[in-house]
N, C-alpha and C. Protein backbone atom coordinates (compact mmCIF):
# COMPACT_ATOMS: atom_id res chain seq x y z
N UNK A 1 69.55 -55.22 -37.93
CA UNK A 1 68.62 -55.37 -37.22
C UNK A 1 67.30 -53.99 -36.69
N UNK A 2 66.24 -54.98 -37.34
CA UNK A 2 64.93 -54.75 -37.75
C UNK A 2 64.47 -54.09 -36.10
N UNK A 3 63.81 -52.71 -35.58
CA UNK A 3 63.64 -52.36 -34.98
C UNK A 3 62.21 -52.02 -35.44
N UNK A 4 61.50 -52.10 -36.21
CA UNK A 4 60.28 -51.72 -36.75
C UNK A 4 58.97 -52.49 -36.07
N UNK A 5 58.23 -52.07 -34.97
CA UNK A 5 57.77 -52.46 -34.11
C UNK A 5 55.76 -52.62 -35.17
N UNK A 6 55.20 -53.94 -34.95
CA UNK A 6 53.55 -53.82 -35.29
C UNK A 6 52.71 -53.82 -34.00
N UNK A 7 51.86 -53.16 -34.44
CA UNK A 7 51.24 -52.18 -33.27
C UNK A 7 50.06 -53.49 -33.51
N UNK A 8 49.82 -54.37 -31.77
CA UNK A 8 48.47 -55.82 -32.21
C UNK A 8 47.54 -54.73 -32.75
N UNK A 9 45.70 -55.30 -32.75
CA UNK A 9 45.22 -54.80 -33.24
C UNK A 9 44.21 -54.67 -32.02
N UNK A 10 45.00 -55.56 -30.81
CA UNK A 10 44.18 -55.05 -29.57
C UNK A 10 44.49 -53.56 -29.46
N UNK A 11 45.73 -53.67 -29.27
CA UNK A 11 46.45 -52.32 -28.89
C UNK A 11 46.85 -50.36 -29.47
N UNK A 12 45.59 -51.42 -30.93
CA UNK A 12 45.30 -50.19 -31.54
C UNK A 12 44.85 -49.61 -31.85
N UNK A 13 43.32 -50.49 -30.57
CA UNK A 13 41.84 -50.21 -30.19
C UNK A 13 42.33 -49.09 -28.90
N UNK A 14 42.50 -49.64 -28.34
CA UNK A 14 43.62 -49.33 -26.85
C UNK A 14 44.26 -47.71 -26.99
N UNK A 15 44.57 -47.65 -28.02
CA UNK A 15 45.15 -45.76 -28.47
C UNK A 15 44.68 -45.53 -28.61
N UNK A 16 43.86 -45.76 -30.05
CA UNK A 16 42.19 -45.23 -30.57
C UNK A 16 41.42 -44.75 -28.78
N UNK A 17 41.30 -45.23 -28.00
CA UNK A 17 40.41 -44.94 -26.58
C UNK A 17 40.75 -43.89 -25.82
N UNK A 18 42.42 -44.23 -25.61
CA UNK A 18 43.49 -43.54 -24.90
C UNK A 18 43.00 -42.16 -25.70
N UNK A 19 43.28 -42.32 -27.52
CA UNK A 19 43.34 -40.87 -27.96
C UNK A 19 42.36 -39.89 -27.89
N UNK A 20 40.59 -40.36 -28.74
CA UNK A 20 39.11 -40.03 -26.45
C UNK A 20 39.36 -40.01 -26.06
N UNK A 21 40.12 -40.35 -24.79
CA UNK A 21 39.74 -39.77 -24.56
C UNK A 21 40.62 -37.86 -23.00
N UNK A 22 42.01 -38.59 -24.32
CA UNK A 22 42.15 -37.20 -24.46
C UNK A 22 41.66 -35.90 -24.92
N UNK A 23 40.92 -36.26 -25.31
CA UNK A 23 41.04 -35.62 -26.52
C UNK A 23 39.32 -35.51 -26.03
N UNK A 24 38.43 -35.71 -25.63
CA UNK A 24 37.42 -35.45 -24.14
C UNK A 24 37.75 -34.51 -23.26
N UNK A 25 39.11 -34.69 -22.62
CA UNK A 25 39.66 -34.43 -21.64
C UNK A 25 40.78 -32.85 -21.53
N UNK A 26 40.70 -32.64 -23.32
CA UNK A 26 40.62 -31.24 -23.75
C UNK A 26 39.34 -30.43 -24.15
N UNK A 27 38.94 -31.50 -24.53
CA UNK A 27 37.12 -30.49 -24.40
C UNK A 27 36.82 -30.02 -23.89
N UNK A 28 37.04 -31.40 -22.64
CA UNK A 28 36.53 -30.50 -21.19
C UNK A 28 37.30 -29.73 -20.69
N UNK A 29 38.42 -29.93 -20.41
CA UNK A 29 39.49 -28.23 -19.60
C UNK A 29 39.41 -27.26 -19.85
N UNK A 30 39.57 -26.48 -22.19
CA UNK A 30 39.82 -25.96 -22.43
C UNK A 30 37.98 -25.83 -23.00
N UNK A 31 37.49 -26.44 -23.19
CA UNK A 31 36.08 -25.22 -24.15
C UNK A 31 35.06 -25.73 -22.83
N UNK A 32 34.35 -27.26 -22.39
CA UNK A 32 32.88 -27.15 -21.03
C UNK A 32 33.28 -25.88 -20.05
N UNK A 33 34.37 -26.02 -19.92
CA UNK A 33 34.21 -25.90 -18.55
C UNK A 33 34.59 -24.48 -18.65
N UNK A 34 34.92 -23.38 -19.42
CA UNK A 34 35.29 -21.95 -19.79
C UNK A 34 33.76 -21.63 -19.99
N UNK A 35 32.99 -22.08 -20.81
CA UNK A 35 31.59 -21.86 -21.59
C UNK A 35 30.67 -21.97 -20.29
N UNK A 36 30.70 -22.96 -19.53
CA UNK A 36 29.88 -23.41 -18.47
C UNK A 36 29.66 -22.05 -17.63
N UNK A 37 30.83 -21.82 -16.69
CA UNK A 37 31.43 -21.05 -15.83
C UNK A 37 31.39 -19.51 -16.91
N UNK A 38 31.18 -19.51 -17.86
CA UNK A 38 31.08 -18.31 -18.45
C UNK A 38 29.28 -18.03 -18.78
N UNK A 39 28.74 -19.36 -19.26
CA UNK A 39 26.79 -19.29 -19.28
C UNK A 39 26.23 -18.78 -17.63
N UNK A 40 27.20 -19.73 -16.67
CA UNK A 40 27.08 -19.45 -14.82
C UNK A 40 26.30 -17.84 -14.87
N UNK A 41 28.10 -17.70 -15.23
CA UNK A 41 28.37 -15.96 -14.53
C UNK A 41 26.74 -14.51 -15.92
N UNK A 42 26.90 -15.48 -17.26
CA UNK A 42 25.71 -14.53 -17.68
C UNK A 42 24.38 -14.69 -16.87
N UNK A 43 24.10 -15.85 -16.97
CA UNK A 43 22.45 -15.82 -16.19
C UNK A 43 22.66 -15.40 -14.45
N UNK A 44 23.69 -15.35 -14.13
CA UNK A 44 23.54 -14.20 -12.37
C UNK A 44 23.06 -13.18 -13.06
N UNK A 45 24.31 -12.96 -14.22
CA UNK A 45 23.98 -10.71 -14.04
C UNK A 45 22.86 -10.56 -14.70
N UNK A 46 22.29 -11.29 -15.79
CA UNK A 46 21.23 -12.53 -15.76
C UNK A 46 20.01 -11.53 -14.88
N UNK A 47 20.00 -12.42 -13.76
CA UNK A 47 19.05 -12.58 -12.92
C UNK A 47 19.09 -10.91 -11.79
N UNK A 48 20.50 -10.32 -11.62
CA UNK A 48 21.15 -9.14 -10.68
C UNK A 48 20.25 -8.17 -11.76
N UNK A 49 19.77 -8.02 -12.90
CA UNK A 49 19.97 -7.46 -13.85
C UNK A 49 18.43 -6.70 -13.23
N UNK A 50 17.48 -8.77 -14.00
CA UNK A 50 16.00 -8.45 -13.59
C UNK A 50 15.85 -8.25 -11.90
N UNK A 51 16.29 -8.12 -10.65
CA UNK A 51 16.11 -8.31 -10.07
C UNK A 51 16.07 -6.42 -9.53
N UNK A 52 17.02 -5.97 -10.05
CA UNK A 52 17.73 -4.00 -10.20
C UNK A 52 15.76 -4.16 -11.66
N UNK A 53 15.79 -4.22 -12.64
CA UNK A 53 14.62 -4.32 -13.52
C UNK A 53 13.44 -3.96 -11.57
N UNK A 54 12.60 -4.92 -11.85
CA UNK A 54 11.87 -5.16 -10.47
C UNK A 54 11.63 -4.43 -9.59
N UNK A 55 13.22 -4.41 -8.93
CA UNK A 55 12.71 -2.89 -7.86
C UNK A 55 12.76 -1.61 -8.02
N UNK A 56 13.49 -1.38 -9.16
CA UNK A 56 12.53 -0.12 -10.07
C UNK A 56 11.17 -0.10 -10.94
N UNK A 57 10.36 -0.95 -11.09
CA UNK A 57 9.39 -1.50 -11.37
C UNK A 57 8.49 -0.94 -9.94
N UNK A 58 8.67 -1.73 -8.70
CA UNK A 58 8.30 -1.27 -8.28
C UNK A 58 8.59 0.26 -7.11
N UNK A 59 9.37 1.11 -7.77
CA UNK A 59 9.67 2.34 -6.95
C UNK A 59 9.00 2.86 -7.86
N UNK A 60 8.84 2.51 -9.43
CA UNK A 60 8.38 3.63 -10.45
C UNK A 60 6.61 3.50 -10.15
N UNK A 61 5.59 2.05 -9.29
CA UNK A 61 4.23 2.20 -8.97
C UNK A 61 4.11 2.95 -7.95
N UNK A 62 5.29 2.32 -6.87
CA UNK A 62 5.03 3.67 -6.38
C UNK A 62 4.86 5.21 -5.90
N UNK A 63 5.44 5.17 -6.37
CA UNK A 63 5.61 7.06 -6.98
C UNK A 63 4.06 7.22 -7.92
N UNK A 64 3.90 6.05 -8.53
CA UNK A 64 2.55 7.04 -9.52
C UNK A 64 1.43 6.39 -8.69
N UNK A 65 1.15 6.24 -7.44
CA UNK A 65 0.73 5.29 -6.57
C UNK A 65 0.56 7.26 -5.95
N UNK A 66 1.74 6.97 -5.57
CA UNK A 66 2.06 8.04 -4.51
C UNK A 66 1.26 9.74 -4.38
N UNK A 67 1.70 9.20 -6.49
CA UNK A 67 0.94 10.80 -7.49
C UNK A 67 -0.21 11.30 -7.49
N UNK A 68 -0.31 9.77 -7.47
CA UNK A 68 -1.98 9.40 -7.87
C UNK A 68 -2.77 10.21 -6.71
N UNK A 69 -2.71 9.51 -5.55
CA UNK A 69 -2.22 10.16 -3.80
C UNK A 69 -2.54 11.54 -4.11
N UNK A 70 -1.76 12.05 -4.06
CA UNK A 70 -1.46 13.76 -4.78
C UNK A 70 -2.56 15.06 -5.00
N UNK A 71 -2.54 13.43 -6.02
CA UNK A 71 -3.44 15.06 -6.82
C UNK A 71 -5.22 14.70 -6.69
N UNK A 72 -5.02 13.47 -6.65
CA UNK A 72 -6.46 13.47 -5.52
C UNK A 72 -6.80 14.42 -4.20
N UNK A 73 -5.69 14.41 -3.35
CA UNK A 73 -6.05 14.95 -2.19
C UNK A 73 -6.01 16.66 -2.31
N UNK A 74 -5.12 17.07 -3.44
CA UNK A 74 -5.38 18.23 -4.32
C UNK A 74 -6.89 18.34 -4.78
N UNK A 75 -7.22 18.05 -5.82
CA UNK A 75 -7.97 17.44 -6.10
C UNK A 75 -9.25 17.81 -5.47
N UNK A 76 -9.84 17.50 -4.05
CA UNK A 76 -10.21 17.68 -2.78
C UNK A 76 -10.50 18.39 -2.27
N UNK A 77 -9.30 18.56 -2.04
CA UNK A 77 -9.51 20.15 -1.29
C UNK A 77 -8.61 21.54 -1.90
N UNK A 78 -9.70 21.46 -3.99
CA UNK A 78 -9.56 22.66 -4.11
C UNK A 78 -8.07 22.79 -4.72
N UNK A 79 -7.04 22.27 -4.41
CA UNK A 79 -5.79 23.21 -4.61
C UNK A 79 -4.91 23.41 -3.23
N UNK A 80 -5.38 23.58 -2.48
CA UNK A 80 -5.08 23.47 -1.45
C UNK A 80 -5.73 22.56 -0.45
N UNK A 81 -4.32 21.23 -0.13
CA UNK A 81 -5.27 20.78 1.07
C UNK A 81 -4.61 21.04 2.24
N UNK A 82 -4.93 19.75 3.36
CA UNK A 82 -5.09 20.12 5.24
C UNK A 82 -3.32 19.52 4.69
N UNK A 83 -2.05 20.34 5.16
CA UNK A 83 -0.83 19.88 6.03
C UNK A 83 -0.66 18.80 6.58
N UNK A 84 0.01 17.32 6.60
CA UNK A 84 0.46 16.34 7.51
C UNK A 84 0.76 17.12 9.04
N UNK A 85 0.27 16.73 10.17
CA UNK A 85 0.77 17.15 11.34
C UNK A 85 1.77 15.94 11.34
N UNK A 86 2.98 16.59 12.63
CA UNK A 86 4.00 15.81 12.48
C UNK A 86 3.51 14.27 13.80
N UNK A 87 4.04 13.25 14.15
CA UNK A 87 3.18 12.13 14.33
C UNK A 87 4.29 12.65 15.67
N UNK A 88 3.62 12.71 17.40
CA UNK A 88 2.74 12.55 17.61
C UNK A 88 0.78 13.40 17.70
N UNK A 89 -0.35 13.54 16.89
CA UNK A 89 -0.64 14.99 17.05
C UNK A 89 -1.91 13.85 17.86
N UNK A 90 -1.92 13.21 18.73
CA UNK A 90 -3.38 12.51 18.84
C UNK A 90 -3.97 13.09 19.73
N UNK A 91 -2.90 13.74 20.49
CA UNK A 91 -3.90 14.80 21.64
C UNK A 91 -4.75 15.77 20.98
N UNK A 92 -3.96 16.57 19.48
CA UNK A 92 -4.67 17.58 19.43
C UNK A 92 -6.31 17.17 18.21
N UNK A 93 -5.16 15.95 17.87
CA UNK A 93 -6.87 14.82 17.38
C UNK A 93 -7.71 14.72 17.86
N UNK A 94 -7.52 14.54 19.05
CA UNK A 94 -8.91 14.38 20.60
C UNK A 94 -9.54 15.42 21.00
N UNK A 95 -8.45 16.70 21.27
CA UNK A 95 -9.49 17.90 21.71
C UNK A 95 -10.82 17.81 20.70
N UNK A 96 -9.87 18.05 19.13
CA UNK A 96 -10.76 18.40 18.20
C UNK A 96 -11.46 17.66 18.01
N UNK A 97 -11.76 16.99 17.69
CA UNK A 97 -13.08 15.53 18.10
C UNK A 97 -14.04 16.66 19.57
N UNK A 98 -13.58 16.23 20.06
CA UNK A 98 -14.56 17.14 21.77
C UNK A 98 -15.11 17.98 21.13
N UNK A 99 -14.34 18.90 20.81
CA UNK A 99 -15.32 19.76 20.30
C UNK A 99 -16.45 19.91 19.29
N UNK A 100 -16.21 19.25 18.35
CA UNK A 100 -16.82 18.81 17.37
C UNK A 100 -18.01 17.99 17.84
N UNK A 101 -17.69 17.71 18.48
CA UNK A 101 -18.79 16.08 18.81
C UNK A 101 -19.74 16.34 20.59
N UNK A 102 -19.85 18.44 20.60
CA UNK A 102 -20.14 18.62 21.86
C UNK A 102 -21.22 18.22 21.65
N UNK A 103 -21.48 18.79 20.79
CA UNK A 103 -23.26 19.49 20.07
C UNK A 103 -24.35 17.82 19.98
N UNK A 104 -23.12 16.37 19.91
CA UNK A 104 -23.99 14.97 20.35
C UNK A 104 -24.47 15.25 21.39
N UNK A 105 -25.22 13.71 21.13
CA UNK A 105 -26.11 13.56 22.72
C UNK A 105 -24.60 13.22 23.46
N UNK A 106 -24.51 11.60 22.69
CA UNK A 106 -23.03 11.18 23.04
C UNK A 106 -22.20 10.57 22.73
N UNK A 107 -20.59 10.13 22.16
CA UNK A 107 -20.32 9.86 21.05
C UNK A 107 -18.68 8.95 22.15
N UNK A 108 -18.68 7.85 21.81
CA UNK A 108 -17.81 7.08 21.71
C UNK A 108 -16.18 7.06 20.47
N UNK A 109 -15.36 6.73 21.07
CA UNK A 109 -14.25 7.12 20.03
C UNK A 109 -13.14 5.35 20.62
N UNK A 110 -12.46 4.93 19.22
CA UNK A 110 -11.93 4.04 19.54
C UNK A 110 -11.42 4.09 18.57
N UNK A 111 -9.26 4.13 18.73
CA UNK A 111 -8.39 4.42 17.75
C UNK A 111 -7.95 3.22 17.88
N UNK A 112 -8.18 2.71 16.69
CA UNK A 112 -6.78 1.96 16.32
C UNK A 112 -5.56 2.09 16.46
N UNK A 113 -4.21 1.10 16.48
CA UNK A 113 -3.18 0.91 16.58
C UNK A 113 -3.21 1.70 15.09
N UNK A 114 -1.71 2.56 15.54
CA UNK A 114 -1.81 2.91 13.99
C UNK A 114 -0.58 2.06 13.27
N UNK A 115 -0.59 2.73 11.93
CA UNK A 115 -0.11 1.95 10.83
C UNK A 115 1.25 3.05 9.59
N UNK A 116 2.38 2.97 9.81
CA UNK A 116 3.43 3.59 9.96
C UNK A 116 3.97 2.61 8.59
N UNK A 117 3.64 4.10 7.10
CA UNK A 117 4.20 2.81 5.61
C UNK A 117 5.81 3.53 6.14
N UNK A 118 6.52 2.50 4.77
CA UNK A 118 8.52 3.02 4.91
C UNK A 118 8.34 4.33 4.28
N UNK A 119 7.77 4.75 3.65
CA UNK A 119 7.51 7.04 3.21
C UNK A 119 7.66 7.46 4.35
N UNK A 120 7.45 6.72 5.43
CA UNK A 120 7.31 7.42 6.93
C UNK A 120 5.97 9.14 7.11
N UNK A 121 4.65 7.76 6.88
CA UNK A 121 2.82 8.32 6.68
C UNK A 121 2.25 7.17 7.65
N UNK A 122 1.93 8.02 8.33
CA UNK A 122 1.57 7.67 9.92
C UNK A 122 -0.92 7.61 9.59
N UNK A 123 -1.08 6.73 9.54
CA UNK A 123 -2.13 6.20 9.43
C UNK A 123 -2.87 6.07 10.63
N UNK A 124 -2.70 7.17 11.15
CA UNK A 124 -4.28 7.13 13.00
C UNK A 124 -5.55 6.77 11.96
N UNK A 125 -6.60 5.13 13.14
CA UNK A 125 -7.61 5.16 12.17
C UNK A 125 -8.44 5.41 13.68
N UNK A 126 -9.85 5.72 13.41
CA UNK A 126 -10.59 5.70 14.79
C UNK A 126 -11.99 5.79 13.87
N UNK A 127 -12.10 4.34 14.94
CA UNK A 127 -13.74 4.03 15.05
C UNK A 127 -14.21 4.98 15.94
N UNK A 128 -15.52 6.02 15.19
CA UNK A 128 -16.20 7.36 16.34
C UNK A 128 -18.24 7.20 15.53
N UNK A 129 -18.47 6.75 16.81
CA UNK A 129 -20.19 6.99 16.87
C UNK A 129 -20.97 7.60 17.69
N UNK A 130 -21.37 8.37 17.74
CA UNK A 130 -22.09 9.32 18.00
C UNK A 130 -23.54 9.69 17.83
N UNK A 131 -24.76 9.39 18.85
CA UNK A 131 -25.86 10.03 18.67
C UNK A 131 -26.88 11.83 18.63
N UNK A 132 -27.73 12.04 17.47
CA UNK A 132 -27.57 13.48 17.57
C UNK A 132 -29.72 13.66 17.58
N UNK A 133 -30.18 14.29 18.06
CA UNK A 133 -31.09 14.70 17.98
C UNK A 133 -32.29 14.54 16.65
N UNK A 134 -31.86 14.96 16.10
CA UNK A 134 -32.25 15.29 14.57
C UNK A 134 -31.33 14.57 13.57
N UNK A 135 -31.82 14.95 11.53
CA UNK A 135 -30.94 14.42 11.01
C UNK A 135 -29.69 15.68 10.18
N UNK A 136 -30.65 17.04 10.39
CA UNK A 136 -29.26 18.54 10.33
C UNK A 136 -28.27 18.32 11.54
N UNK A 137 -28.51 18.40 12.83
CA UNK A 137 -27.92 18.07 13.88
C UNK A 137 -26.07 17.34 13.10
N UNK A 138 -26.79 16.05 13.24
CA UNK A 138 -25.35 14.66 12.15
C UNK A 138 -25.25 15.45 11.27
N UNK A 139 -25.75 16.36 10.53
CA UNK A 139 -24.69 16.31 8.89
C UNK A 139 -24.41 17.74 9.84
N UNK A 140 -24.67 18.12 10.12
CA UNK A 140 -23.62 19.33 10.40
C UNK A 140 -22.30 18.59 11.32
N UNK A 141 -22.63 17.65 12.34
CA UNK A 141 -20.82 17.50 12.94
C UNK A 141 -20.08 16.70 11.78
N UNK A 142 -21.17 15.92 11.17
CA UNK A 142 -19.87 15.47 9.70
C UNK A 142 -19.16 16.26 8.48
N UNK A 143 -20.41 17.67 8.50
CA UNK A 143 -19.66 19.54 7.87
C UNK A 143 -18.14 19.48 8.63
N UNK A 144 -18.29 19.57 9.98
CA UNK A 144 -17.28 19.70 10.66
C UNK A 144 -16.37 18.75 10.67
N UNK A 145 -16.43 17.37 10.80
CA UNK A 145 -15.45 16.54 10.81
C UNK A 145 -14.61 16.22 9.44
N UNK A 146 -15.46 16.36 7.95
CA UNK A 146 -14.54 16.68 7.04
C UNK A 146 -13.83 18.22 7.07
N UNK A 147 -14.01 19.32 7.31
CA UNK A 147 -13.37 20.59 7.02
C UNK A 147 -11.66 20.30 8.44
N UNK A 148 -11.99 19.08 9.03
CA UNK A 148 -11.20 19.53 10.44
C UNK A 148 -10.27 19.81 9.94
N UNK A 149 -9.05 20.41 10.98
CA UNK A 149 -7.30 21.09 11.16
C UNK A 149 -6.50 20.02 10.74
N UNK A 150 -7.04 19.17 10.35
CA UNK A 150 -5.96 18.30 10.99
C UNK A 150 -6.33 16.99 9.22
N UNK A 151 -4.94 16.27 8.69
CA UNK A 151 -5.80 15.81 7.22
C UNK A 151 -6.02 13.99 7.59
N UNK A 152 -7.75 15.07 7.70
CA UNK A 152 -8.42 13.13 7.63
C UNK A 152 -9.19 12.89 6.52
N UNK A 153 -9.52 11.85 7.02
CA UNK A 153 -10.47 11.48 6.04
C UNK A 153 -11.58 10.09 6.00
N UNK A 154 -12.36 10.29 5.56
CA UNK A 154 -14.07 9.56 5.84
C UNK A 154 -14.33 8.89 5.13
N UNK A 155 -14.03 7.10 5.81
CA UNK A 155 -13.85 5.92 4.71
C UNK A 155 -15.50 5.20 4.68
N UNK A 156 -15.43 5.59 5.69
CA UNK A 156 -17.13 4.34 6.09
C UNK A 156 -18.27 5.53 6.44
N UNK A 157 -19.15 5.19 7.16
CA UNK A 157 -20.46 5.94 7.57
C UNK A 157 -21.79 4.93 6.85
N UNK A 158 -21.80 5.54 8.40
CA UNK A 158 -23.37 4.67 8.81
C UNK A 158 -24.89 5.38 9.21
N UNK A 159 -25.76 5.77 8.63
CA UNK A 159 -26.26 6.60 9.38
C UNK A 159 -27.73 5.26 10.22
N UNK A 160 -28.05 5.86 11.12
CA UNK A 160 -29.48 4.66 11.72
C UNK A 160 -30.21 5.94 12.61
N UNK A 161 -31.70 5.43 11.47
CA UNK A 161 -32.40 6.36 12.17
C UNK A 161 -33.65 5.10 12.48
N UNK A 162 -34.60 4.88 13.56
CA UNK A 162 -35.81 4.06 13.55
C UNK A 162 -35.80 3.05 13.37
N UNK A 163 -34.59 2.90 13.62
CA UNK A 163 -34.35 1.12 13.34
C UNK A 163 -34.20 0.85 12.24
N UNK A 164 -34.12 1.88 10.99
CA UNK A 164 -34.22 1.72 9.28
C UNK A 164 -32.35 2.00 9.37
N UNK A 165 -31.39 0.77 9.38
CA UNK A 165 -29.72 1.63 9.49
C UNK A 165 -30.11 2.05 7.27
N UNK A 166 -29.31 2.48 7.58
CA UNK A 166 -29.15 2.89 5.56
C UNK A 166 -28.13 3.27 5.22
N UNK A 167 -26.71 2.39 4.54
CA UNK A 167 -25.29 2.95 4.71
C UNK A 167 -25.26 3.44 3.60
N UNK A 168 -24.95 5.78 3.70
CA UNK A 168 -25.09 6.09 2.40
C UNK A 168 -23.06 7.43 2.42
N UNK A 169 -22.91 7.58 1.51
CA UNK A 169 -21.71 7.72 1.30
C UNK A 169 -21.17 8.92 1.56
N UNK A 170 -20.27 9.76 2.01
CA UNK A 170 -19.32 11.09 2.37
C UNK A 170 -20.84 12.25 1.74
N UNK A 171 -20.82 11.66 0.29
CA UNK A 171 -21.75 12.86 -0.70
C UNK A 171 -23.24 12.69 -0.58
N UNK A 172 -23.57 11.82 -0.11
CA UNK A 172 -24.66 11.17 -0.32
C UNK A 172 -25.17 12.31 0.82
N UNK A 173 -23.91 12.97 2.60
CA UNK A 173 -24.11 13.30 3.99
C UNK A 173 -24.40 14.33 3.93
N UNK A 174 -24.17 15.55 2.51
CA UNK A 174 -23.95 16.25 2.48
C UNK A 174 -25.74 16.67 1.84
N UNK A 175 -26.78 16.11 1.16
CA UNK A 175 -27.50 16.93 1.13
C UNK A 175 -28.63 16.51 2.13
N UNK A 176 -29.56 17.46 2.19
CA UNK A 176 -30.57 17.80 2.93
C UNK A 176 -31.23 17.50 2.43
N UNK A 177 -31.66 16.06 4.02
CA UNK A 177 -33.01 14.98 2.91
C UNK A 177 -34.38 15.30 3.78
N UNK A 178 -33.79 17.13 4.89
CA UNK A 178 -35.42 17.76 5.22
C UNK A 178 -35.55 18.76 3.92
N UNK A 179 -34.75 18.50 2.98
CA UNK A 179 -35.58 19.53 1.96
C UNK A 179 -35.82 19.11 0.40
N UNK A 180 -35.63 17.82 0.40
CA UNK A 180 -36.74 16.40 -0.18
C UNK A 180 -37.99 16.04 0.45
N UNK A 181 -38.29 16.82 1.60
CA UNK A 181 -39.81 16.79 2.60
C UNK A 181 -38.74 14.64 3.15
N UNK A 182 -38.54 14.51 2.96
CA UNK A 182 -37.85 12.95 4.72
C UNK A 182 -38.82 13.44 5.67
N UNK A 183 -38.65 12.74 6.14
CA UNK A 183 -38.41 12.83 7.65
C UNK A 183 -37.59 12.45 8.20
N UNK A 184 -36.40 12.29 8.12
CA UNK A 184 -35.80 12.17 8.42
C UNK A 184 -34.98 12.82 9.85
N UNK A 185 -35.05 13.88 8.92
CA UNK A 185 -34.45 15.34 9.81
C UNK A 185 -35.19 15.90 11.28
N UNK A 186 -36.16 15.52 11.65
CA UNK A 186 -37.28 15.71 12.88
C UNK A 186 -36.87 14.55 13.39
N UNK A 187 -36.12 13.34 13.44
CA UNK A 187 -36.36 11.96 14.30
C UNK A 187 -34.32 11.87 14.52
N UNK A 188 -34.99 11.03 15.66
CA UNK A 188 -34.12 11.12 16.38
C UNK A 188 -32.14 10.02 15.51
N UNK A 189 -31.63 10.16 15.50
CA UNK A 189 -30.61 9.93 14.53
C UNK A 189 -28.66 8.88 15.11
N UNK A 190 -28.04 7.64 14.77
CA UNK A 190 -27.28 7.63 15.16
C UNK A 190 -26.33 7.87 14.34
N UNK A 191 -25.54 7.58 14.16
CA UNK A 191 -23.99 7.56 13.33
C UNK A 191 -23.28 6.78 14.20
N UNK A 192 -22.63 6.19 12.60
CA UNK A 192 -21.38 5.01 12.99
C UNK A 192 -19.97 5.89 12.37
N UNK A 193 -19.33 5.92 12.22
CA UNK A 193 -17.93 6.32 10.42
C UNK A 193 -16.13 5.53 11.15
N UNK A 194 -15.69 5.42 10.78
CA UNK A 194 -14.46 4.83 10.56
C UNK A 194 -13.96 6.42 10.08
N UNK A 195 -12.47 6.43 10.63
CA UNK A 195 -12.18 8.29 10.00
C UNK A 195 -10.26 7.56 9.86
N UNK A 196 -9.52 8.16 9.15
CA UNK A 196 -7.96 8.06 9.32
C UNK A 196 -7.44 9.81 9.54
N UNK A 197 -7.21 9.03 10.36
CA UNK A 197 -5.87 11.22 10.21
C UNK A 197 -4.49 10.62 10.12
N UNK A 198 -3.49 11.52 8.66
CA UNK A 198 -2.91 11.40 8.36
C UNK A 198 -1.79 12.37 9.08
N UNK A 199 -0.72 11.64 9.56
CA UNK A 199 0.27 12.28 9.99
C UNK A 199 1.94 11.73 9.46
N UNK A 200 2.44 12.49 9.82
CA UNK A 200 4.31 11.97 9.27
C UNK A 200 5.16 11.87 9.72
N UNK A 201 6.17 11.39 9.45
CA UNK A 201 7.34 11.11 10.76
C UNK A 201 8.92 11.59 9.59
N UNK A 202 8.70 13.55 10.12
CA UNK A 202 9.67 13.53 9.55
C UNK A 202 11.34 12.81 9.67
N UNK A 203 12.59 12.60 8.65
CA UNK A 203 13.00 12.68 8.94
C UNK A 203 14.79 13.94 9.04
């Protein structure tokens, strides 16, 4: 009895196709899927590392900026900066400004909304305007503002005299124009300035 079986061409083709399908299934299950998962995990890990790097860089930049600010404050104060007051120091600020501006003909204070940074630094902006009988009086008041008992910066200032406005910096204000023969010292002047007081929220 002859049990030998000969596959037809069609059957051979089907067996080849089936073999290829099996190879593809094995490749997909054993090689492709694990590789894809490994790649996805690697990309996720890379993204996490990049996020950590970005976060660290932001912190470093912030620390560098803070150090530059500290160095600047120390340099401007000859190594002895005025310490920051604890929040909320507005009453003391108002009292000091009232004393400093007592020599002015009149004055106006407009306090801006305080800004609190993530590191607990409070910035209190003040729009200040006042009038004086002469430039020397204005100069005296400005010098007193610069020597405030509380951490303060004069961000901008405009001095107006006889309808002629001239924007000047804090350093320019210190100069005595009367010494240069300028008639401003004998004229009525008005001053507009923006000040920032610094406070801290202690943790």
